Amino acid sequence: MNKVVRRDILNVLDDSIAVLEKGKSWQLEEISNHIIQSATLHQDEDAISIAVMTYALYKAYSRKIVTDTKLFLELLKKAHHYLNKNDIESYRGRVSEVISDIAKYDSQLKEYVEEVLGKARLKKGSKMVEQGLSIAKVSELLGLTQWDLMSYLGKTKIIDTQNIDIAVKSRLETARQLFK
């Protein structure tokens, strides 16, 4: 496992445990969004699974399908312990256990997985557009609709800052050439 991803996952586990201990399960969504960025950047299976797990926990608690935190807290603490000791297989086993326990309570787990992966594709697509690929090409490569990608890009303001270093005269000249 990548050291950066491992550190991010340990932070996510720390934050998730703290949030559940305080009874603030609604904050799990923000924690999940953070790890999605890492999953997108590193294309790491462990980062994706922890993002899915955290988001599924958020949905289960927010929809009041699960109210007791003891079971999940214990599993998260065990996962943290194993990952901290670099026992990757035992860590993965605890994460799988959390996900399967959530599936017992919430039949919409598959939808959560798809939602997390969709968010990851949008974030990855925005980075690709930022690096200069066209929206059409990125949409084709990642299996996104251009509409969804453009909607996401509009929220991120990437398009607004993309050509900021081009001189005003150059932009004006380009516009004049286009409209001749």
N, C-alpha and C. Protein backbone atom coordinates (compact mmCIF):
# COMPACT_ATOMS: atom_id res chain seq x y z
N MET A 1 0.85 -1.18 0.00
CA MET A 1 0.00 0.00 0.00
C MET A 1 0.89 1.24 0.00
N ASN A 2 0.52 2.19 -0.81
CA ASN A 2 1.22 3.46 -0.92
C ASN A 2 1.23 4.16 0.45
N LYS A 3 2.37 4.74 0.83
CA LYS A 3 2.50 5.40 2.14
C LYS A 3 1.55 6.58 2.30
N VAL A 4 1.38 7.35 1.24
CA VAL A 4 0.49 8.51 1.29
C VAL A 4 -0.96 8.06 1.49
N VAL A 5 -1.35 7.04 0.74
CA VAL A 5 -2.71 6.51 0.86
C VAL A 5 -2.91 5.93 2.27
N ARG A 6 -1.92 5.22 2.76
CA ARG A 6 -2.01 4.63 4.11
C ARG A 6 -2.21 5.72 5.16
N ARG A 7 -1.45 6.80 5.04
CA ARG A 7 -1.59 7.91 5.97
C ARG A 7 -2.97 8.55 5.86
N ASP A 8 -3.46 8.73 4.62
CA ASP A 8 -4.79 9.30 4.42
C ASP A 8 -5.87 8.40 5.04
N ILE A 9 -5.74 7.10 4.84
CA ILE A 9 -6.73 6.17 5.38
C ILE A 9 -6.70 6.19 6.90
N LEU A 10 -5.51 6.23 7.49
CA LEU A 10 -5.42 6.31 8.95
C LEU A 10 -6.09 7.59 9.46
N ASN A 11 -5.90 8.70 8.75
CA ASN A 11 -6.57 9.95 9.12
C ASN A 11 -8.09 9.83 9.01
N VAL A 12 -8.55 9.18 7.94
CA VAL A 12 -9.98 8.98 7.75
C VAL A 12 -10.55 8.12 8.87
N LEU A 13 -9.83 7.07 9.23
CA LEU A 13 -10.29 6.22 10.32
C LEU A 13 -10.31 6.99 11.64
N ASP A 14 -9.26 7.76 11.91
CA ASP A 14 -9.23 8.60 13.13
C ASP A 14 -10.44 9.53 13.17
N ASP A 15 -10.66 10.23 12.05
CA ASP A 15 -11.76 11.19 11.98
C ASP A 15 -13.12 10.50 12.11
N SER A 16 -13.28 9.36 11.45
CA SER A 16 -14.55 8.62 11.50
C SER A 16 -14.84 8.14 12.91
N ILE A 17 -13.83 7.63 13.58
CA ILE A 17 -14.00 7.16 14.96
C ILE A 17 -14.40 8.33 15.86
N ALA A 18 -13.71 9.45 15.72
CA ALA A 18 -14.00 10.63 16.54
C ALA A 18 -15.42 11.13 16.30
N VAL A 19 -15.83 11.17 15.05
CA VAL A 19 -17.16 11.64 14.69
C VAL A 19 -18.24 10.72 15.27
N LEU A 20 -18.05 9.42 15.15
CA LEU A 20 -19.05 8.49 15.69
C LEU A 20 -19.09 8.52 17.21
N GLU A 21 -17.93 8.68 17.84
CA GLU A 21 -17.91 8.77 19.31
C GLU A 21 -18.66 10.02 19.81
N LYS A 22 -18.62 11.08 19.01
CA LYS A 22 -19.30 12.32 19.38
C LYS A 22 -20.76 12.33 18.95
N GLY A 23 -21.17 11.28 18.20
CA GLY A 23 -22.55 11.23 17.72
C GLY A 23 -22.84 12.18 16.58
N LYS A 24 -21.83 12.54 15.81
CA LYS A 24 -21.98 13.48 14.70
C LYS A 24 -21.79 12.77 13.36
N SER A 25 -22.59 11.74 13.15
CA SER A 25 -22.43 10.89 11.96
C SER A 25 -22.61 11.64 10.65
N TRP A 26 -23.30 12.79 10.65
CA TRP A 26 -23.49 13.55 9.42
C TRP A 26 -22.15 14.05 8.86
N GLN A 27 -21.12 14.12 9.69
CA GLN A 27 -19.81 14.57 9.22
C GLN A 27 -19.06 13.49 8.44
N LEU A 28 -19.59 12.28 8.42
CA LEU A 28 -18.96 11.21 7.66
C LEU A 28 -18.96 11.50 6.16
N GLU A 29 -19.94 12.24 5.68
CA GLU A 29 -19.98 12.58 4.25
C GLU A 29 -18.76 13.41 3.86
N GLU A 30 -18.42 14.39 4.66
CA GLU A 30 -17.25 15.24 4.38
C GLU A 30 -15.97 14.41 4.42
N ILE A 31 -15.89 13.50 5.37
CA ILE A 31 -14.72 12.63 5.49
C ILE A 31 -14.60 11.76 4.24
N SER A 32 -15.72 11.24 3.79
CA SER A 32 -15.73 10.41 2.58
C SER A 32 -15.28 11.21 1.36
N ASN A 33 -15.75 12.45 1.25
CA ASN A 33 -15.35 13.29 0.12
C ASN A 33 -13.85 13.53 0.11
N HIS A 34 -13.26 13.67 1.28
CA HIS A 34 -11.81 13.87 1.35
C HIS A 34 -11.06 12.66 0.80
N ILE A 35 -11.44 11.48 1.21
CA ILE A 35 -10.71 10.29 0.77
C ILE A 35 -10.98 9.97 -0.70
N ILE A 36 -12.11 10.44 -1.22
CA ILE A 36 -12.38 10.25 -2.66
C ILE A 36 -11.31 10.97 -3.47
N GLN A 37 -10.87 12.13 -3.01
CA GLN A 37 -9.79 12.84 -3.71
C GLN A 37 -8.53 12.00 -3.75
N SER A 38 -8.19 11.37 -2.65
CA SER A 38 -7.01 10.51 -2.61
C SER A 38 -7.20 9.29 -3.51
N ALA A 39 -8.39 8.72 -3.47
CA ALA A 39 -8.67 7.56 -4.32
C ALA A 39 -8.56 7.92 -5.79
N THR A 40 -9.04 9.11 -6.14
CA THR A 40 -8.97 9.57 -7.52
C THR A 40 -7.53 9.80 -7.95
N LEU A 41 -6.78 10.44 -7.10
CA LEU A 41 -5.39 10.77 -7.42
C LEU A 41 -4.52 9.52 -7.55
N HIS A 42 -4.66 8.61 -6.60
CA HIS A 42 -3.76 7.45 -6.56
C HIS A 42 -4.33 6.20 -7.22
N GLN A 43 -5.61 6.23 -7.58
CA GLN A 43 -6.26 5.06 -8.18
C GLN A 43 -6.01 3.82 -7.32
N ASP A 44 -6.17 3.98 -6.02
CA ASP A 44 -5.85 2.92 -5.08
C ASP A 44 -7.13 2.23 -4.60
N GLU A 45 -7.12 0.92 -4.66
CA GLU A 45 -8.28 0.11 -4.28
C GLU A 45 -8.64 0.29 -2.80
N ASP A 46 -7.64 0.40 -1.95
CA ASP A 46 -7.91 0.58 -0.52
C ASP A 46 -8.54 1.94 -0.24
N ALA A 47 -8.09 2.97 -0.94
CA ALA A 47 -8.68 4.30 -0.76
C ALA A 47 -10.12 4.30 -1.25
N ILE A 48 -10.39 3.61 -2.34
CA ILE A 48 -11.75 3.54 -2.86
C ILE A 48 -12.64 2.78 -1.87
N SER A 49 -12.15 1.67 -1.33
CA SER A 49 -12.99 0.89 -0.41
C SER A 49 -13.27 1.66 0.88
N ILE A 50 -12.31 2.43 1.38
CA ILE A 50 -12.56 3.21 2.60
C ILE A 50 -13.51 4.37 2.31
N ALA A 51 -13.43 4.93 1.10
CA ALA A 51 -14.37 5.99 0.72
C ALA A 51 -15.79 5.43 0.63
N VAL A 52 -15.93 4.26 0.04
CA VAL A 52 -17.24 3.61 -0.06
C VAL A 52 -17.76 3.29 1.34
N MET A 53 -16.91 2.73 2.17
CA MET A 53 -17.31 2.36 3.52
C MET A 53 -17.78 3.59 4.31
N THR A 54 -17.01 4.66 4.25
CA THR A 54 -17.34 5.87 5.00
C THR A 54 -18.64 6.50 4.49
N TYR A 55 -18.80 6.54 3.17
CA TYR A 55 -20.02 7.11 2.61
C TYR A 55 -21.23 6.23 2.94
N ALA A 56 -21.07 4.92 2.87
CA ALA A 56 -22.16 4.00 3.21
C ALA A 56 -22.56 4.15 4.68
N LEU A 57 -21.58 4.32 5.56
CA LEU A 57 -21.87 4.57 6.97
C LEU A 57 -22.67 5.88 7.12
N TYR A 58 -22.22 6.90 6.42
CA TYR A 58 -22.93 8.19 6.47
C TYR A 58 -24.39 8.00 6.05
N LYS A 59 -24.62 7.31 4.94
CA LYS A 59 -25.99 7.12 4.44
C LYS A 59 -26.81 6.28 5.42
N ALA A 60 -26.22 5.24 5.97
CA ALA A 60 -26.95 4.37 6.90
C ALA A 60 -27.36 5.14 8.15
N TYR A 61 -26.48 5.96 8.67
CA TYR A 61 -26.81 6.76 9.86
C TYR A 61 -27.78 7.89 9.52
N SER A 62 -27.58 8.56 8.40
CA SER A 62 -28.43 9.70 8.06
C SER A 62 -29.85 9.26 7.74
N ARG A 63 -30.01 8.06 7.22
CA ARG A 63 -31.35 7.55 6.91
C ARG A 63 -31.93 6.79 8.10
N LYS A 64 -31.19 6.79 9.21
CA LYS A 64 -31.60 6.16 10.47
C LYS A 64 -31.85 4.66 10.32
N ILE A 65 -31.15 4.05 9.36
CA ILE A 65 -31.20 2.60 9.20
C ILE A 65 -30.38 1.96 10.32
N VAL A 66 -29.31 2.63 10.68
CA VAL A 66 -28.45 2.19 11.78
C VAL A 66 -28.42 3.33 12.80
N THR A 67 -28.60 2.99 14.06
CA THR A 67 -28.54 4.01 15.11
C THR A 67 -27.46 3.70 16.14
N ASP A 68 -27.16 2.44 16.33
CA ASP A 68 -26.16 2.04 17.31
C ASP A 68 -24.76 2.13 16.69
N THR A 69 -23.86 2.82 17.36
CA THR A 69 -22.52 3.01 16.80
C THR A 69 -21.50 2.01 17.34
N LYS A 70 -21.87 1.22 18.35
CA LYS A 70 -20.89 0.36 19.01
C LYS A 70 -20.24 -0.64 18.06
N LEU A 71 -21.04 -1.33 17.26
CA LEU A 71 -20.49 -2.34 16.35
C LEU A 71 -19.50 -1.72 15.37
N PHE A 72 -19.91 -0.64 14.71
CA PHE A 72 -19.05 -0.03 13.71
C PHE A 72 -17.83 0.65 14.33
N LEU A 73 -18.02 1.24 15.49
CA LEU A 73 -16.88 1.85 16.17
C LEU A 73 -15.81 0.81 16.48
N GLU A 74 -16.23 -0.34 16.97
CA GLU A 74 -15.28 -1.40 17.30
C GLU A 74 -14.54 -1.88 16.05
N LEU A 75 -15.26 -2.06 14.96
CA LEU A 75 -14.63 -2.51 13.71
C LEU A 75 -13.68 -1.46 13.15
N LEU A 76 -14.06 -0.19 13.23
CA LEU A 76 -13.19 0.88 12.75
C LEU A 76 -11.91 0.96 13.59
N LYS A 77 -12.06 0.79 14.88
CA LYS A 77 -10.88 0.82 15.75
C LYS A 77 -9.95 -0.35 15.45
N LYS A 78 -10.53 -1.52 15.18
CA LYS A 78 -9.71 -2.68 14.82
C LYS A 78 -9.00 -2.44 13.48
N ALA A 79 -9.74 -1.90 12.51
CA ALA A 79 -9.14 -1.60 11.20
C ALA A 79 -7.98 -0.63 11.36
N HIS A 80 -8.18 0.40 12.16
CA HIS A 80 -7.12 1.38 12.43
C HIS A 80 -5.92 0.69 13.06
N HIS A 81 -6.17 -0.14 14.05
CA HIS A 81 -5.10 -0.84 14.75
C HIS A 81 -4.27 -1.69 13.76
N TYR A 82 -4.95 -2.46 12.94
CA TYR A 82 -4.24 -3.34 12.00
C TYR A 82 -3.46 -2.53 10.95
N LEU A 83 -4.06 -1.47 10.46
CA LEU A 83 -3.36 -0.65 9.46
C LEU A 83 -2.16 0.05 10.09
N ASN A 84 -2.32 0.49 11.31
CA ASN A 84 -1.22 1.13 12.03
C ASN A 84 -0.05 0.17 12.23
N LYS A 85 -0.37 -1.11 12.42
CA LYS A 85 0.66 -2.15 12.58
C LYS A 85 1.15 -2.68 11.23
N ASN A 86 0.59 -2.12 10.15
CA ASN A 86 0.93 -2.51 8.78
C ASN A 86 0.49 -3.94 8.45
N ASP A 87 -0.53 -4.42 9.13
CA ASP A 87 -1.14 -5.73 8.84
C ASP A 87 -2.28 -5.47 7.86
N ILE A 88 -1.91 -5.36 6.59
CA ILE A 88 -2.83 -4.93 5.54
C ILE A 88 -3.99 -5.91 5.36
N GLU A 89 -3.72 -7.19 5.40
CA GLU A 89 -4.78 -8.19 5.19
C GLU A 89 -5.83 -8.13 6.30
N SER A 90 -5.39 -8.00 7.54
CA SER A 90 -6.36 -7.90 8.65
C SER A 90 -7.14 -6.59 8.55
N TYR A 91 -6.47 -5.52 8.14
CA TYR A 91 -7.15 -4.24 7.93
C TYR A 91 -8.24 -4.39 6.88
N ARG A 92 -7.88 -4.99 5.75
CA ARG A 92 -8.86 -5.17 4.67
C ARG A 92 -10.02 -6.05 5.12
N GLY A 93 -9.73 -7.02 5.96
CA GLY A 93 -10.79 -7.87 6.49
C GLY A 93 -11.79 -7.09 7.31
N ARG A 94 -11.31 -6.15 8.13
CA ARG A 94 -12.22 -5.34 8.95
C ARG A 94 -13.05 -4.41 8.08
N VAL A 95 -12.43 -3.82 7.05
CA VAL A 95 -13.18 -2.94 6.15
C VAL A 95 -14.26 -3.74 5.43
N SER A 96 -13.92 -4.93 4.97
CA SER A 96 -14.91 -5.79 4.31
C SER A 96 -16.03 -6.15 5.26
N GLU A 97 -15.69 -6.38 6.51
CA GLU A 97 -16.69 -6.71 7.53
C GLU A 97 -17.65 -5.53 7.74
N VAL A 98 -17.11 -4.32 7.79
CA VAL A 98 -17.97 -3.13 7.95
C VAL A 98 -18.91 -3.03 6.76
N ILE A 99 -18.37 -3.17 5.55
CA ILE A 99 -19.19 -3.04 4.35
C ILE A 99 -20.27 -4.12 4.31
N SER A 100 -19.92 -5.35 4.65
CA SER A 100 -20.94 -6.42 4.63
C SER A 100 -21.97 -6.21 5.73
N ASP A 101 -21.58 -5.68 6.88
CA ASP A 101 -22.54 -5.38 7.94
C ASP A 101 -23.49 -4.27 7.52
N ILE A 102 -22.97 -3.27 6.83
CA ILE A 102 -23.83 -2.20 6.32
C ILE A 102 -24.83 -2.78 5.32
N ALA A 103 -24.37 -3.68 4.47
CA ALA A 103 -25.24 -4.30 3.47
C ALA A 103 -26.38 -5.07 4.13
N LYS A 104 -26.15 -5.63 5.32
CA LYS A 104 -27.21 -6.33 6.04
C LYS A 104 -28.33 -5.37 6.44
N TYR A 105 -27.96 -4.16 6.80
CA TYR A 105 -28.93 -3.17 7.24
C TYR A 105 -29.53 -2.37 6.09
N ASP A 106 -28.73 -2.11 5.07
CA ASP A 106 -29.13 -1.18 4.02
C ASP A 106 -28.98 -1.82 2.64
N SER A 107 -30.09 -2.05 1.98
CA SER A 107 -30.08 -2.72 0.68
C SER A 107 -29.57 -1.80 -0.44
N GLN A 108 -29.37 -0.52 -0.17
CA GLN A 108 -28.93 0.42 -1.20
C GLN A 108 -27.41 0.55 -1.27
N LEU A 109 -26.68 -0.35 -0.66
CA LEU A 109 -25.21 -0.26 -0.65
C LEU A 109 -24.64 -0.17 -2.07
N LYS A 110 -25.19 -0.95 -2.99
CA LYS A 110 -24.70 -0.92 -4.37
C LYS A 110 -24.79 0.49 -4.97
N GLU A 111 -25.89 1.19 -4.65
CA GLU A 111 -26.05 2.55 -5.15
C GLU A 111 -24.99 3.48 -4.55
N TYR A 112 -24.63 3.27 -3.29
CA TYR A 112 -23.61 4.09 -2.65
C TYR A 112 -22.25 3.88 -3.32
N VAL A 113 -21.96 2.62 -3.64
CA VAL A 113 -20.70 2.32 -4.32
C VAL A 113 -20.66 3.05 -5.66
N GLU A 114 -21.75 2.97 -6.40
CA GLU A 114 -21.81 3.65 -7.70
C GLU A 114 -21.67 5.16 -7.55
N GLU A 115 -22.29 5.72 -6.52
CA GLU A 115 -22.22 7.16 -6.29
C GLU A 115 -20.79 7.61 -5.97
N VAL A 116 -20.12 6.85 -5.12
CA VAL A 116 -18.74 7.18 -4.76
C VAL A 116 -17.84 7.08 -5.98
N LEU A 117 -18.02 6.01 -6.76
CA LEU A 117 -17.19 5.85 -7.96
C LEU A 117 -17.50 6.93 -9.00
N GLY A 118 -18.76 7.34 -9.09
CA GLY A 118 -19.13 8.43 -9.99
C GLY A 118 -18.48 9.74 -9.59
N LYS A 119 -18.48 10.02 -8.28
CA LYS A 119 -17.81 11.23 -7.79
C LYS A 119 -16.32 11.17 -8.11
N ALA A 120 -15.73 10.01 -7.95
CA ALA A 120 -14.30 9.86 -8.23
C ALA A 120 -14.02 10.10 -9.71
N ARG A 121 -14.88 9.58 -10.59
CA ARG A 121 -14.68 9.80 -12.03
C ARG A 121 -14.79 11.29 -12.37
N LEU A 122 -15.76 11.98 -11.76
CA LEU A 122 -15.91 13.42 -12.03
C LEU A 122 -14.68 14.19 -11.57
N LYS A 123 -14.16 13.85 -10.39
CA LYS A 123 -12.97 14.54 -9.89
C LYS A 123 -11.77 14.26 -10.80
N LYS A 124 -11.63 13.01 -11.21
CA LYS A 124 -10.53 12.64 -12.11
C LYS A 124 -10.70 13.38 -13.44
N GLY A 125 -11.92 13.42 -13.95
CA GLY A 125 -12.18 14.11 -15.21
C GLY A 125 -11.85 15.59 -15.13
N SER A 126 -12.17 16.21 -14.00
CA SER A 126 -11.87 17.65 -13.87
C SER A 126 -10.37 17.88 -13.88
N LYS A 127 -9.62 16.97 -13.28
CA LYS A 127 -8.16 17.10 -13.29
C LYS A 127 -7.61 16.94 -14.71
N MET A 128 -8.22 16.03 -15.48
CA MET A 128 -7.77 15.81 -16.86
C MET A 128 -8.06 17.03 -17.72
N VAL A 129 -9.23 17.66 -17.53
CA VAL A 129 -9.56 18.88 -18.27
C VAL A 129 -8.60 19.99 -17.87
N GLU A 130 -8.31 20.05 -16.59
CA GLU A 130 -7.38 21.07 -16.09
C GLU A 130 -6.00 20.91 -16.73
N GLN A 131 -5.63 19.68 -17.07
CA GLN A 131 -4.34 19.42 -17.69
C GLN A 131 -4.37 19.65 -19.21
N GLY A 132 -5.55 19.98 -19.77
CA GLY A 132 -5.59 20.35 -21.17
C GLY A 132 -6.40 19.44 -22.08
N LEU A 133 -6.90 18.31 -21.58
CA LEU A 133 -7.73 17.45 -22.43
C LEU A 133 -9.10 18.09 -22.62
N SER A 134 -9.71 17.82 -23.76
CA SER A 134 -11.02 18.38 -24.03
C SER A 134 -12.09 17.66 -23.21
N ILE A 135 -13.18 18.35 -22.98
CA ILE A 135 -14.29 17.77 -22.24
C ILE A 135 -14.83 16.56 -22.97
N ALA A 136 -14.92 16.64 -24.29
CA ALA A 136 -15.42 15.51 -25.08
C ALA A 136 -14.53 14.28 -24.90
N LYS A 137 -13.23 14.47 -24.96
CA LYS A 137 -12.30 13.35 -24.84
C LYS A 137 -12.34 12.74 -23.44
N VAL A 138 -12.36 13.59 -22.42
CA VAL A 138 -12.41 13.11 -21.04
C VAL A 138 -13.70 12.33 -20.81
N SER A 139 -14.81 12.86 -21.32
CA SER A 139 -16.10 12.18 -21.17
C SER A 139 -16.05 10.79 -21.79
N GLU A 140 -15.46 10.72 -22.97
CA GLU A 140 -15.33 9.44 -23.66
C GLU A 140 -14.45 8.46 -22.89
N LEU A 141 -13.31 8.95 -22.39
CA LEU A 141 -12.37 8.09 -21.68
C LEU A 141 -12.93 7.55 -20.37
N LEU A 142 -13.68 8.38 -19.65
CA LEU A 142 -14.14 7.99 -18.32
C LEU A 142 -15.59 7.51 -18.29
N GLY A 143 -16.25 7.50 -19.44
CA GLY A 143 -17.63 7.04 -19.48
C GLY A 143 -18.60 7.98 -18.79
N LEU A 144 -18.32 9.28 -18.88
CA LEU A 144 -19.19 10.30 -18.30
C LEU A 144 -19.94 10.99 -19.43
N THR A 145 -21.08 11.59 -19.09
CA THR A 145 -21.73 12.42 -20.10
C THR A 145 -21.05 13.79 -20.06
N GLN A 146 -20.99 14.43 -21.21
CA GLN A 146 -20.39 15.76 -21.26
C GLN A 146 -21.17 16.72 -20.37
N TRP A 147 -22.48 16.53 -20.31
CA TRP A 147 -23.32 17.39 -19.48
C TRP A 147 -22.92 17.29 -18.01
N ASP A 148 -22.76 16.06 -17.50
CA ASP A 148 -22.38 15.86 -16.10
C ASP A 148 -21.00 16.47 -15.81
N LEU A 149 -20.07 16.24 -16.74
CA LEU A 149 -18.73 16.77 -16.54
C LEU A 149 -18.73 18.30 -16.58
N MET A 150 -19.45 18.88 -17.53
CA MET A 150 -19.51 20.34 -17.60
C MET A 150 -20.19 20.92 -16.36
N SER A 151 -21.21 20.27 -15.87
CA SER A 151 -21.89 20.72 -14.66
C SER A 151 -20.93 20.71 -13.47
N TYR A 152 -20.16 19.64 -13.36
CA TYR A 152 -19.19 19.54 -12.27
C TYR A 152 -18.10 20.60 -12.42
N LEU A 153 -17.60 20.77 -13.64
CA LEU A 153 -16.56 21.77 -13.89
C LEU A 153 -17.05 23.18 -13.56
N GLY A 154 -18.32 23.45 -13.84
CA GLY A 154 -18.88 24.75 -13.52
C GLY A 154 -18.89 25.02 -12.03
N LYS A 155 -19.07 23.99 -11.25
CA LYS A 155 -19.07 24.14 -9.79
C LYS A 155 -17.66 24.33 -9.25
N THR A 156 -16.66 23.78 -9.94
CA THR A 156 -15.29 23.85 -9.44
C THR A 156 -14.57 25.11 -9.88
N LYS A 157 -15.07 25.80 -10.88
CA LYS A 157 -14.46 27.04 -11.39
C LYS A 157 -13.12 26.79 -12.10
N ILE A 158 -12.85 25.54 -12.48
CA ILE A 158 -11.59 25.23 -13.19
C ILE A 158 -11.53 25.98 -14.52
N ILE A 159 -12.63 26.00 -15.23
CA ILE A 159 -12.67 26.65 -16.53
C ILE A 159 -12.37 28.14 -16.39
N ASP A 160 -12.84 28.77 -15.31
CA ASP A 160 -12.63 30.20 -15.10
C ASP A 160 -11.16 30.56 -14.93
N THR A 161 -10.37 29.68 -14.34
CA THR A 161 -8.98 29.99 -14.05
C THR A 161 -8.01 29.34 -15.04
N GLN A 162 -8.53 28.53 -15.94
CA GLN A 162 -7.65 27.75 -16.81
C GLN A 162 -6.76 28.61 -17.70
N ASN A 163 -7.30 29.67 -18.28
CA ASN A 163 -6.52 30.49 -19.22
C ASN A 163 -6.17 31.85 -18.65
N ILE A 164 -6.01 31.93 -17.38
CA ILE A 164 -5.80 33.22 -16.72
C ILE A 164 -4.47 33.87 -17.10
N ASP A 165 -3.49 33.06 -17.51
CA ASP A 165 -2.18 33.61 -17.82
C ASP A 165 -2.05 34.12 -19.26
N ILE A 166 -3.08 33.95 -20.06
CA ILE A 166 -3.04 34.43 -21.42
C ILE A 166 -3.29 35.94 -21.40
N ALA A 167 -2.45 36.67 -22.08
CA ALA A 167 -2.55 38.14 -22.09
C ALA A 167 -3.87 38.58 -22.72
N VAL A 168 -4.37 39.69 -22.26
CA VAL A 168 -5.65 40.22 -22.74
C VAL A 168 -5.58 40.50 -24.23
N LYS A 169 -4.46 41.07 -24.71
CA LYS A 169 -4.34 41.36 -26.14
C LYS A 169 -4.43 40.09 -26.97
N SER A 170 -3.80 39.03 -26.50
CA SER A 170 -3.83 37.76 -27.21
C SER A 170 -5.25 37.22 -27.27
N ARG A 171 -5.99 37.34 -26.18
CA ARG A 171 -7.36 36.86 -26.15
C ARG A 171 -8.25 37.68 -27.08
N LEU A 172 -8.03 38.97 -27.10
CA LEU A 172 -8.80 39.85 -27.98
C LEU A 172 -8.51 39.52 -29.44
N GLU A 173 -7.25 39.30 -29.75
CA GLU A 173 -6.85 38.95 -31.12
C GLU A 173 -7.50 37.63 -31.54
N THR A 174 -7.51 36.67 -30.68
CA THR A 174 -8.14 35.38 -30.97
C THR A 174 -9.64 35.56 -31.23
N ALA A 175 -10.29 36.36 -30.40
CA ALA A 175 -11.72 36.61 -30.56
C ALA A 175 -12.02 37.29 -31.89
N ARG A 176 -11.18 38.25 -32.26
CA ARG A 176 -11.37 38.95 -33.54
C ARG A 176 -11.21 38.00 -34.72
N GLN A 177 -10.26 37.09 -34.64
CA GLN A 177 -10.06 36.12 -35.71
C GLN A 177 -11.26 35.17 -35.82
N LEU A 178 -11.81 34.80 -34.71
CA LEU A 178 -12.96 33.90 -34.71
C LEU A 178 -14.20 34.53 -35.35
N PHE A 179 -14.37 35.83 -35.15
CA PHE A 179 -15.58 36.51 -35.61
C PHE A 179 -15.41 37.29 -36.91
N LYS A 180 -14.35 37.04 -37.67
CA LYS A 180 -14.16 37.73 -38.96
C LYS A 180 -15.15 37.24 -39.97
